[in-house]
C-alpha cells in the first residue's frame, strides 16, 4: 500500500515538475494522471498494486470536501454580502459549461458521423 501511494504521489510530482519546467498551461496533476495511465496500461503488476489503493481513495473522496465546507461556514458573513454576485457567477458558469459540453458533443458527433441518420441496409 505504501509503495502504491508513493507511486501515485510520484506521478503527481513528476507531472507538476514537467508542467512548471516547461511552462505548460496544463495542471501538473493532469500530466501526472497521464503518466499513471501509461504505467497502468504498461504493467499488470503496477495495476495490481495501484488499483486497490485508488479504489480505497475514491471510496473516501467525500472527506476531501470537509475542509471546503468548513471554509464556507467560516466565511458565511462575507458570502452573504456577496450572495447576488455568487449566484450570478454560478448560474452563468453553469450555463456556459452546459453549452460548451453540448458544442463539444456536437463537434465530436459530426467528426465521427454519429449524427448522420442510417439508411436501409442491404443484404
Protein backbone atom coordinates (compact mmCIF):
# COMPACT_ATOMS: atom_id res chain seq x y z
CA UNK A 1 0.00 0.00 0.00
CA UNK A 2 2.80 2.43 0.86
CA UNK A 3 4.51 1.67 -2.45
CA UNK A 4 1.29 2.32 -4.39
CA UNK A 5 0.67 5.62 -2.59
CA UNK A 6 4.27 6.60 -3.21
CA UNK A 7 3.90 5.82 -6.92
CA UNK A 8 0.68 7.88 -7.13
CA UNK A 9 2.34 10.84 -5.44
CA UNK A 10 5.50 10.49 -7.55
CA UNK A 11 3.40 10.62 -10.72
CA UNK A 12 1.72 13.78 -9.44
CA UNK A 13 5.10 15.27 -8.52
CA UNK A 14 6.55 14.41 -11.93
CA UNK A 15 3.58 15.98 -13.66
CA UNK A 16 3.91 19.12 -11.54
CA UNK A 17 7.64 19.34 -12.26
CA UNK A 18 7.15 18.93 -16.02
CA UNK A 19 4.32 21.48 -16.11
CA UNK A 20 6.35 24.08 -14.23
CA UNK A 21 9.63 23.40 -16.01
CA UNK A 22 8.10 23.67 -19.46
CA UNK A 23 5.60 26.40 -18.55
CA UNK A 24 2.70 24.30 -19.83
CA UNK A 25 -0.85 25.58 -19.40
CA UNK A 26 -1.89 22.12 -18.13
CA UNK A 27 -2.11 21.41 -14.39
CA UNK A 28 0.66 19.16 -13.13
CA UNK A 29 -1.71 16.59 -11.60
CA UNK A 30 -3.30 16.12 -15.04
CA UNK A 31 0.11 15.32 -16.53
CA UNK A 32 0.79 13.02 -13.58
CA UNK A 33 -2.51 11.26 -14.23
CA UNK A 34 -1.41 10.72 -17.82
CA UNK A 35 1.86 9.23 -16.60
CA UNK A 36 -0.08 6.96 -14.24
CA UNK A 37 -2.29 5.86 -17.13
CA UNK A 38 0.79 4.90 -19.14
CA UNK A 39 2.17 2.96 -16.18
CA UNK A 40 -1.14 1.18 -15.57
CA UNK A 41 -1.51 0.25 -19.23
CA UNK A 42 2.07 -0.93 -19.47
CA UNK A 43 2.32 -3.12 -16.40
CA UNK A 44 -0.16 -5.53 -14.85
CA UNK A 45 1.98 -5.57 -11.71
CA UNK A 46 1.63 -1.80 -11.27
CA UNK A 47 -2.11 -2.04 -11.90
CA UNK A 48 -2.49 -4.82 -9.35
CA UNK A 49 -0.78 -2.67 -6.73
CA UNK A 50 -2.32 0.73 -7.52
CA UNK A 51 -5.95 -0.11 -8.39
CA UNK A 52 -7.00 -1.28 -4.88
CA UNK A 53 -5.40 1.80 -3.30
CA UNK A 54 -7.07 4.08 -5.85
CA UNK A 55 -10.44 2.45 -5.16
CA UNK A 56 -9.93 2.99 -1.44
CA UNK A 57 -9.16 6.66 -2.02
CA UNK A 58 -12.27 7.03 -4.20
CA UNK A 59 -14.45 5.38 -1.54
CA UNK A 60 -13.48 8.13 0.90
CA UNK A 61 -13.34 11.01 -1.58
CA UNK A 62 -16.15 12.86 0.21
CA UNK A 63 -13.77 13.52 3.11
CA UNK A 64 -11.84 15.90 0.86
CA UNK A 65 -14.86 18.20 0.76
CA UNK A 66 -14.90 18.70 4.55
CA UNK A 67 -12.23 21.45 4.53
CA UNK A 68 -14.13 23.33 1.82
CA UNK A 69 -17.34 23.09 3.84
CA UNK A 70 -15.58 24.40 6.94
CA UNK A 71 -14.21 27.31 4.91
CA UNK A 72 -17.70 28.18 3.67
CA UNK A 73 -19.14 28.10 7.18
CA UNK A 74 -16.22 30.17 8.46
CA UNK A 75 -16.96 32.94 5.93
CA UNK A 76 -20.76 32.99 5.92
CA UNK A 77 -20.85 36.73 6.66
CA UNK A 78 -18.75 37.53 3.60
CA UNK A 79 -20.69 35.08 1.46
CA UNK A 80 -23.93 36.76 2.50
CA UNK A 81 -22.61 40.14 1.38
CA UNK A 82 -21.58 38.71 -1.99
CA UNK A 83 -24.58 36.38 -2.43
CA UNK A 84 -26.02 38.08 -5.52
CA UNK A 85 -22.74 38.06 -7.43
CA UNK A 86 -22.00 34.49 -6.33
CA UNK A 87 -25.41 33.40 -7.60
CA UNK A 88 -24.83 35.18 -10.92
CA UNK A 89 -21.39 33.58 -11.27
CA UNK A 90 -22.76 30.11 -10.50
CA UNK A 91 -25.67 30.42 -12.94
CA UNK A 92 -23.57 31.90 -15.76
CA UNK A 93 -20.75 29.38 -15.34
CA UNK A 94 -23.26 26.51 -15.26
CA UNK A 95 -24.93 27.70 -18.46
CA UNK A 96 -21.55 28.16 -20.16
CA UNK A 97 -20.38 24.70 -19.06
CA UNK A 98 -23.55 23.06 -20.36
CA UNK A 99 -23.23 24.97 -23.63
CA UNK A 100 -19.56 24.01 -24.01
CA UNK A 101 -20.42 20.38 -23.35
CA UNK A 102 -23.20 20.46 -25.93
CA UNK A 103 -20.95 22.08 -28.53
CA UNK A 104 -18.20 19.55 -27.86
CA UNK A 105 -20.71 16.72 -28.21
CA UNK A 106 -21.99 18.16 -31.47
CA UNK A 107 -18.45 18.57 -32.81
CA UNK A 108 -17.45 15.02 -31.90
CA UNK A 109 -20.70 13.61 -33.29
CA UNK A 110 -20.06 15.47 -36.55
CA UNK A 111 -16.47 14.25 -36.76
CA UNK A 112 -17.39 10.64 -36.09
CA UNK A 113 -20.52 10.64 -38.25
CA UNK A 114 -22.66 9.63 -35.27
CA UNK A 115 -25.19 12.33 -36.06
CA UNK A 116 -25.94 11.01 -39.55
CA UNK A 117 -29.09 9.04 -39.98
CA UNK A 118 -28.58 5.46 -41.13
CA UNK A 119 -30.37 4.37 -44.28
CA UNK A 120 -31.80 0.94 -45.03
CA UNK A 121 -29.19 -1.78 -45.07
CA UNK A 122 -28.50 -4.01 -47.99
CA UNK A 123 -28.36 -7.63 -47.55
